[in-house]
Structures are given as C-alpha cells and as structure tokens.
N, C-alpha and C. Protein backbone atom coordinates (compact mmCIF):
# COMPACT_ATOMS: atom_id res chain seq x y z
N GLN A 1 -34.74 42.09 8.54
CA GLN A 1 -34.26 41.18 7.63
C GLN A 1 -33.17 41.15 7.58
N VAL A 2 -32.08 40.30 7.38
CA VAL A 2 -30.64 39.56 7.03
C VAL A 2 -30.44 38.96 6.16
N GLN A 3 -29.80 39.07 5.01
CA GLN A 3 -29.51 38.23 4.11
C GLN A 3 -28.29 37.78 4.05
N LEU A 4 -27.64 36.54 3.77
CA LEU A 4 -26.47 36.31 4.06
C LEU A 4 -26.14 35.43 2.50
N VAL A 5 -24.93 35.89 2.20
CA VAL A 5 -24.48 35.08 0.84
C VAL A 5 -23.05 34.56 1.07
N GLU A 6 -22.80 33.25 0.72
CA GLU A 6 -21.27 33.11 1.07
C GLU A 6 -21.03 32.77 -0.21
N SER A 7 -19.54 32.62 -0.42
CA SER A 7 -18.93 32.30 -1.65
C SER A 7 -17.60 31.69 -1.11
N GLY A 8 -16.72 31.26 -2.13
CA GLY A 8 -15.55 30.86 -1.76
C GLY A 8 -15.34 29.07 -2.04
N GLY A 9 -16.27 28.57 -1.87
CA GLY A 9 -16.22 26.97 -1.90
C GLY A 9 -15.68 26.56 -3.14
N GLY A 10 -15.39 25.21 -3.15
CA GLY A 10 -14.81 24.43 -4.38
C GLY A 10 -14.11 23.38 -4.57
N LEU A 11 -13.69 22.71 -5.23
CA LEU A 11 -12.73 21.15 -5.14
C LEU A 11 -11.44 21.70 -5.35
N VAL A 12 -11.07 20.78 -3.83
CA VAL A 12 -9.64 21.03 -3.46
C VAL A 12 -9.22 19.78 -3.49
N GLN A 13 -7.41 19.67 -3.28
CA GLN A 13 -6.98 18.47 -2.50
C GLN A 13 -6.96 18.29 -1.27
N ALA A 14 -6.75 17.17 -0.67
CA ALA A 14 -6.44 17.00 0.42
C ALA A 14 -5.08 18.04 1.00
N GLY A 15 -5.04 18.61 1.96
CA GLY A 15 -4.00 19.24 2.41
C GLY A 15 -4.22 20.56 1.92
N ASP A 16 -4.90 21.17 1.27
CA ASP A 16 -4.84 22.33 0.31
C ASP A 16 -5.81 23.15 1.72
N SER A 17 -5.84 24.45 1.03
CA SER A 17 -6.43 25.72 1.70
C SER A 17 -7.52 26.28 0.96
N LEU A 18 -8.70 26.75 1.80
CA LEU A 18 -9.86 27.47 1.29
C LEU A 18 -10.04 28.64 2.22
N ARG A 19 -10.61 29.51 1.36
CA ARG A 19 -11.07 30.72 2.35
C ARG A 19 -12.67 30.87 1.89
N LEU A 20 -13.89 30.68 3.08
CA LEU A 20 -14.97 31.12 2.57
C LEU A 20 -15.46 32.58 3.07
N SER A 21 -16.08 33.05 2.45
CA SER A 21 -16.67 34.57 2.96
C SER A 21 -18.07 34.56 2.68
N CYS A 22 -18.80 35.39 3.86
CA CYS A 22 -19.91 35.55 3.94
C CYS A 22 -20.52 36.96 4.11
N VAL A 23 -21.37 37.56 3.52
CA VAL A 23 -21.47 39.09 3.09
C VAL A 23 -22.77 39.11 3.78
N ALA A 24 -23.01 39.93 4.59
CA ALA A 24 -24.41 40.13 5.18
C ALA A 24 -25.53 41.19 4.66
N SER A 25 -26.39 41.42 4.50
CA SER A 25 -26.99 42.86 4.11
C SER A 25 -27.74 43.81 5.59
N GLY A 26 -27.66 44.73 5.53
CA GLY A 26 -28.06 45.35 6.53
C GLY A 26 -26.89 45.98 7.58
N ARG A 27 -27.68 47.07 8.22
CA ARG A 27 -26.77 47.67 9.32
C ARG A 27 -26.29 47.14 10.55
N THR A 28 -27.01 45.66 10.66
CA THR A 28 -26.69 45.48 12.32
C THR A 28 -25.74 44.58 12.37
N PHE A 29 -24.91 44.28 11.38
CA PHE A 29 -24.01 43.07 11.41
C PHE A 29 -23.13 43.30 12.50
N ASP A 30 -22.79 44.41 13.12
CA ASP A 30 -21.87 44.23 13.90
C ASP A 30 -22.21 43.99 15.44
N ARG A 31 -23.63 43.57 15.42
CA ARG A 31 -24.13 43.61 16.80
C ARG A 31 -24.75 42.06 16.45
N ARG A 32 -24.13 41.24 15.84
CA ARG A 32 -24.80 39.90 15.36
C ARG A 32 -23.71 38.58 15.54
N ALA A 33 -23.58 37.94 16.36
CA ALA A 33 -22.76 36.75 16.15
C ALA A 33 -22.82 35.94 15.06
N MET A 34 -21.85 35.64 14.53
CA MET A 34 -21.84 34.88 13.08
C MET A 34 -21.31 33.53 13.39
N GLY A 35 -22.02 32.46 12.72
CA GLY A 35 -21.27 31.35 12.36
C GLY A 35 -21.36 30.33 11.52
N TRP A 36 -20.49 29.31 11.22
CA TRP A 36 -20.15 28.60 10.05
C TRP A 36 -20.55 27.13 10.81
N PHE A 37 -21.57 26.63 9.94
CA PHE A 37 -21.96 24.94 9.85
C PHE A 37 -22.04 24.31 8.83
N ARG A 38 -21.86 23.17 8.64
CA ARG A 38 -21.71 22.38 7.79
C ARG A 38 -22.42 21.11 7.31
N GLN A 39 -22.91 20.38 6.19
CA GLN A 39 -23.93 19.57 6.28
C GLN A 39 -23.25 18.38 5.42
N SER A 40 -23.19 17.38 5.28
CA SER A 40 -22.59 16.56 4.66
C SER A 40 -24.12 15.37 4.16
N PRO A 41 -23.76 14.60 3.00
CA PRO A 41 -24.92 14.05 2.68
C PRO A 41 -25.38 12.96 3.91
N GLY A 42 -26.54 12.62 3.90
CA GLY A 42 -27.05 11.79 4.75
C GLY A 42 -26.68 12.25 6.35
N LYS A 43 -26.17 13.03 6.68
CA LYS A 43 -25.69 13.67 7.97
C LYS A 43 -26.43 14.67 8.66
N GLU A 44 -26.57 15.03 9.78
CA GLU A 44 -27.20 16.39 10.43
C GLU A 44 -26.29 17.53 10.11
N ARG A 45 -26.85 18.89 9.84
CA ARG A 45 -26.33 20.09 10.16
C ARG A 45 -25.09 19.99 11.38
N GLU A 46 -23.96 20.29 10.91
CA GLU A 46 -23.30 20.56 12.44
C GLU A 46 -22.57 21.56 12.45
N PHE A 47 -21.88 22.08 13.75
CA PHE A 47 -21.25 23.32 14.22
C PHE A 47 -20.01 23.22 13.51
N VAL A 48 -19.61 24.40 12.98
CA VAL A 48 -18.13 24.52 12.75
C VAL A 48 -17.56 25.43 13.53
N ALA A 49 -17.87 26.45 13.55
CA ALA A 49 -17.59 27.85 14.17
C ALA A 49 -18.23 28.70 14.50
N VAL A 50 -18.05 29.62 15.33
CA VAL A 50 -18.61 30.74 16.05
C VAL A 50 -17.76 32.01 16.28
N ILE A 51 -18.36 32.96 16.02
CA ILE A 51 -17.55 34.32 16.48
C ILE A 51 -18.57 35.62 17.18
N SER A 52 -18.48 35.68 18.40
CA SER A 52 -19.42 36.90 18.90
C SER A 52 -19.01 38.02 18.41
N TRP A 53 -19.96 39.28 18.69
CA TRP A 53 -19.85 40.46 18.26
C TRP A 53 -19.44 41.04 19.07
N SER A 54 -18.99 41.12 20.58
CA SER A 54 -19.13 41.93 21.54
C SER A 54 -17.88 41.45 22.20
N ASP A 55 -17.56 40.45 22.90
CA ASP A 55 -16.34 40.02 23.72
C ASP A 55 -15.38 39.44 23.41
N GLY A 56 -15.43 38.97 21.72
CA GLY A 56 -14.53 38.50 21.22
C GLY A 56 -13.73 36.80 21.37
N LYS A 57 -15.18 36.39 21.70
CA LYS A 57 -15.28 35.04 22.24
C LYS A 57 -15.56 34.20 20.68
N ILE A 58 -14.69 33.14 20.45
CA ILE A 58 -14.59 32.43 19.26
C ILE A 58 -14.47 30.61 20.03
N TYR A 59 -15.43 30.15 19.25
CA TYR A 59 -15.31 28.90 19.43
C TYR A 59 -15.37 27.68 18.15
N TYR A 60 -14.64 26.83 18.26
CA TYR A 60 -14.74 25.60 17.17
C TYR A 60 -14.89 24.28 17.47
N ALA A 61 -15.44 23.62 16.52
CA ALA A 61 -15.73 22.24 16.75
C ALA A 61 -14.55 21.51 16.59
N ASP A 62 -14.32 20.76 17.73
CA ASP A 62 -13.05 19.66 17.83
C ASP A 62 -12.52 19.36 16.42
N SER A 63 -13.31 18.86 15.75
CA SER A 63 -12.57 18.13 14.60
C SER A 63 -12.39 19.45 13.32
N VAL A 64 -12.35 20.48 13.84
CA VAL A 64 -11.73 21.65 12.63
C VAL A 64 -10.68 22.62 13.68
N LYS A 65 -10.62 22.16 14.83
CA LYS A 65 -9.59 23.31 15.56
C LYS A 65 -7.96 22.83 15.34
N GLY A 66 -7.55 24.13 15.23
CA GLY A 66 -6.48 24.30 14.89
C GLY A 66 -6.12 24.19 13.27
N ARG A 67 -6.99 23.80 12.95
CA ARG A 67 -6.83 23.95 10.89
C ARG A 67 -8.08 25.30 10.43
N PHE A 68 -9.06 25.49 11.25
CA PHE A 68 -10.07 26.27 10.63
C PHE A 68 -9.63 27.90 11.63
N THR A 69 -10.03 29.04 11.01
CA THR A 69 -10.02 30.26 11.50
C THR A 69 -10.98 30.79 11.09
N ILE A 70 -12.13 31.61 12.01
CA ILE A 70 -13.05 32.16 11.81
C ILE A 70 -12.85 33.64 12.09
N SER A 71 -13.38 34.81 11.62
CA SER A 71 -12.88 36.26 12.07
C SER A 71 -13.96 37.09 11.12
N ARG A 72 -14.08 38.13 11.31
CA ARG A 72 -15.34 39.21 10.88
C ARG A 72 -14.38 40.28 10.46
N ASP A 73 -15.12 40.92 9.40
CA ASP A 73 -14.75 42.43 9.30
C ASP A 73 -15.89 43.18 9.23
N ASN A 74 -16.13 44.02 10.33
CA ASN A 74 -17.38 44.61 10.33
C ASN A 74 -17.43 45.56 9.67
N ALA A 75 -16.52 46.42 9.00
CA ALA A 75 -16.60 47.44 8.05
C ALA A 75 -17.09 46.92 6.58
N LYS A 76 -17.03 45.43 6.63
CA LYS A 76 -17.36 44.75 5.36
C LYS A 76 -18.87 44.03 5.12
N ASN A 77 -19.09 44.33 6.47
CA ASN A 77 -20.23 43.02 6.98
C ASN A 77 -19.99 41.79 6.36
N THR A 78 -18.80 41.38 6.53
CA THR A 78 -18.20 39.88 6.35
C THR A 78 -17.92 39.09 7.50
N VAL A 79 -18.14 37.66 7.24
CA VAL A 79 -17.34 36.91 8.01
C VAL A 79 -16.64 35.42 7.33
N TYR A 80 -15.53 35.65 7.74
CA TYR A 80 -14.59 34.53 7.20
C TYR A 80 -14.32 33.04 7.47
N LEU A 81 -14.15 32.17 6.74
CA LEU A 81 -13.86 30.74 7.28
C LEU A 81 -12.42 30.42 6.57
N GLN A 82 -11.63 30.63 7.17
CA GLN A 82 -10.18 30.26 6.72
C GLN A 82 -10.03 28.80 6.96
N MET A 83 -9.73 27.60 5.90
CA MET A 83 -9.89 26.37 6.21
C MET A 83 -8.42 25.70 5.81
N ASN A 84 -7.81 25.27 6.39
CA ASN A 84 -6.25 24.97 6.34
C ASN A 84 -6.55 23.29 6.26
N SER A 85 -5.04 22.64 5.96
CA SER A 85 -4.93 21.49 5.89
C SER A 85 -6.29 20.54 5.77
N LEU A 86 -7.03 20.88 4.63
CA LEU A 86 -8.48 20.24 4.67
C LEU A 86 -8.17 18.83 4.48
N LYS A 87 -9.21 18.29 4.72
CA LYS A 87 -9.23 16.46 4.96
C LYS A 87 -10.76 16.20 3.92
N ALA A 88 -10.62 14.83 3.81
CA ALA A 88 -11.63 14.46 2.70
C ALA A 88 -13.06 14.48 3.56
N GLU A 89 -12.87 14.35 4.55
CA GLU A 89 -14.24 14.65 5.76
C GLU A 89 -14.62 15.76 6.07
N ASP A 90 -13.96 16.81 5.46
CA ASP A 90 -14.43 17.94 5.68
C ASP A 90 -15.16 18.66 4.16
N THR A 91 -15.32 17.31 3.43
CA THR A 91 -16.23 17.58 2.29
C THR A 91 -17.89 17.68 2.70
N ALA A 92 -18.32 19.00 1.94
CA ALA A 92 -19.82 19.17 2.77
C ALA A 92 -20.56 20.59 2.39
N VAL A 93 -21.62 20.84 2.35
CA VAL A 93 -22.15 22.14 2.30
C VAL A 93 -21.63 23.18 3.09
N TYR A 94 -21.12 24.15 2.92
CA TYR A 94 -20.78 25.05 4.58
C TYR A 94 -21.81 26.09 4.30
N TYR A 95 -22.27 26.54 5.29
CA TYR A 95 -23.85 27.59 5.70
C TYR A 95 -23.14 28.27 6.62
N CYS A 96 -23.04 29.80 6.39
CA CYS A 96 -23.06 31.23 7.13
C CYS A 96 -24.70 31.12 7.95
N ALA A 97 -24.18 31.52 9.13
CA ALA A 97 -25.51 31.65 10.05
C ALA A 97 -25.39 32.82 10.68
N GLY A 98 -26.37 33.95 11.05
CA GLY A 98 -26.08 34.63 12.00
C GLY A 98 -27.29 34.86 13.24
N ARG A 99 -26.86 35.35 14.40
CA ARG A 99 -28.11 35.10 15.36
C ARG A 99 -29.17 36.61 15.56
N GLY A 100 -29.86 36.75 16.24
CA GLY A 100 -30.49 37.69 16.18
C GLY A 100 -29.68 39.16 17.12
N TYR A 101 -30.33 39.96 16.89
CA TYR A 101 -29.42 41.15 17.20
C TYR A 101 -28.88 41.29 18.74
N GLY A 102 -27.82 41.38 18.86
CA GLY A 102 -27.40 41.48 20.34
C GLY A 102 -27.14 40.19 20.97
N LEU A 103 -27.38 39.07 20.41
CA LEU A 103 -27.24 37.87 21.07
C LEU A 103 -26.03 37.33 21.15
N GLY A 104 -25.24 36.63 22.06
CA GLY A 104 -24.10 36.11 22.18
C GLY A 104 -23.97 35.07 21.35
N ALA A 105 -22.64 34.13 20.99
CA ALA A 105 -22.19 33.07 20.61
C ALA A 105 -22.91 32.01 21.02
N SER A 106 -23.10 31.20 19.91
CA SER A 106 -23.92 29.88 20.58
C SER A 106 -23.34 28.41 19.45
N ARG A 107 -23.46 27.62 19.81
CA ARG A 107 -22.76 26.37 19.15
C ARG A 107 -23.98 25.84 18.50
N GLN A 108 -25.44 26.37 18.76
CA GLN A 108 -26.55 25.31 18.49
C GLN A 108 -27.42 25.99 17.20
N SER A 109 -27.15 25.33 16.02
CA SER A 109 -28.27 25.90 15.06
C SER A 109 -29.31 26.34 15.18
N ASP A 110 -29.99 26.10 16.02
CA ASP A 110 -31.35 26.08 16.76
C ASP A 110 -31.32 27.78 17.17
N ASP A 111 -30.11 28.17 17.67
CA ASP A 111 -30.33 29.76 18.07
C ASP A 111 -29.69 30.73 16.85
N PHE A 112 -29.76 30.31 15.69
CA PHE A 112 -29.50 31.14 14.61
C PHE A 112 -31.00 31.19 13.58
N ASN A 113 -31.20 32.94 13.64
CA ASN A 113 -32.22 33.05 12.67
C ASN A 113 -32.25 33.20 11.25
N TYR A 114 -30.58 33.49 10.84
CA TYR A 114 -30.48 33.58 9.52
C TYR A 114 -29.59 32.88 8.96
N TRP A 115 -29.80 32.31 7.45
CA TRP A 115 -28.93 31.44 6.78
C TRP A 115 -28.85 31.89 5.48
N GLY A 116 -27.28 31.37 4.89
CA GLY A 116 -27.27 31.53 3.55
C GLY A 116 -27.77 30.19 2.92
N GLN A 117 -27.38 30.44 1.79
CA GLN A 117 -27.54 29.38 0.64
C GLN A 117 -27.08 28.08 0.81
N GLY A 118 -25.32 28.33 1.45
CA GLY A 118 -24.51 27.49 1.22
C GLY A 118 -23.79 27.32 0.22
N THR A 119 -22.51 26.85 0.12
CA THR A 119 -21.26 26.87 -0.81
C THR A 119 -21.04 25.52 -0.38
N GLN A 120 -20.64 24.67 -1.46
CA GLN A 120 -19.97 23.20 -1.50
C GLN A 120 -18.47 23.34 -1.38
N VAL A 121 -18.02 22.72 -0.51
CA VAL A 121 -16.49 22.57 -0.62
C VAL A 121 -16.56 21.11 -0.55
N THR A 122 -15.52 20.50 -1.80
CA THR A 122 -15.38 19.32 -2.06
C THR A 122 -13.90 18.67 -1.74
N VAL A 123 -13.19 18.06 -0.95
CA VAL A 123 -12.01 17.77 -0.62
C VAL A 123 -11.79 16.51 -1.20
N SER A 124 -10.68 16.43 -2.21
CA SER A 124 -10.49 14.77 -2.44
C SER A 124 -9.17 14.33 -2.11
N SER A 125 -9.28 13.12 -1.88
CA SER A 125 -8.15 12.36 -1.10
C SER A 125 -7.03 11.85 -1.98
C-alpha cells in the first residue's frame, strides 16, 4: 500500500508561484509513475502533469504547459509541481497520484491506483 501526502497549497495572487510537494510512503516510489490532477467545483477531475519512473517522459496538460514543471526526487520519495504565472483558472484542489508498480506514465486518472487527500490552491485575480 502506498500513501501520498500533499502539501504546499495556499492562497496567492495571479502571477505568483507555488510549489506543491507530495511525499509517498513505501520503498517502491522509484518504480512508479507519478502524476498531478486537479478538480474545481462543479468540474471533473482533470490531468495536470505526469512523470515516468524509467525513461524520463513527462507530459503536461496544454493549459499548464510552459508554466508548470513536474519533477521527482526518488531519494526523498517526493514528487513536486512547480507552478509559475498562476491564473485564476488554476484554482482547484490539486491531487497527487501514483500508478502501479512498474507501469508507465499516463494522462488518465483511472490508470492511477493511489491518491493523496488533495491540497487547495486558490488564485485571486
């Protein structure tokens, strides 16, 4: 079982930056693709970014490309989401997610087995 704990959310102004962190329990973090998703009130959960564990592949949603950066530190069992040039439409609960052992990167939320509790990001305009 893998547990994920996000942190780093908060209230910021448009144009500001935030860095979200997600710490995973267990010894198999370095063999798991990790992703970030977000959900706004009244909307479905949407893909933000994903990073593979093996081949360095990284994918972003078009809405965040060029502004957000996903990275991972396997020594710390942590995946990050650096968010720059934040916009009001980035306001959402952000969730960290992990795939099954040895599986590759995916943009589909159904492909992720493990989820954090979420951290709120609010961007005021």
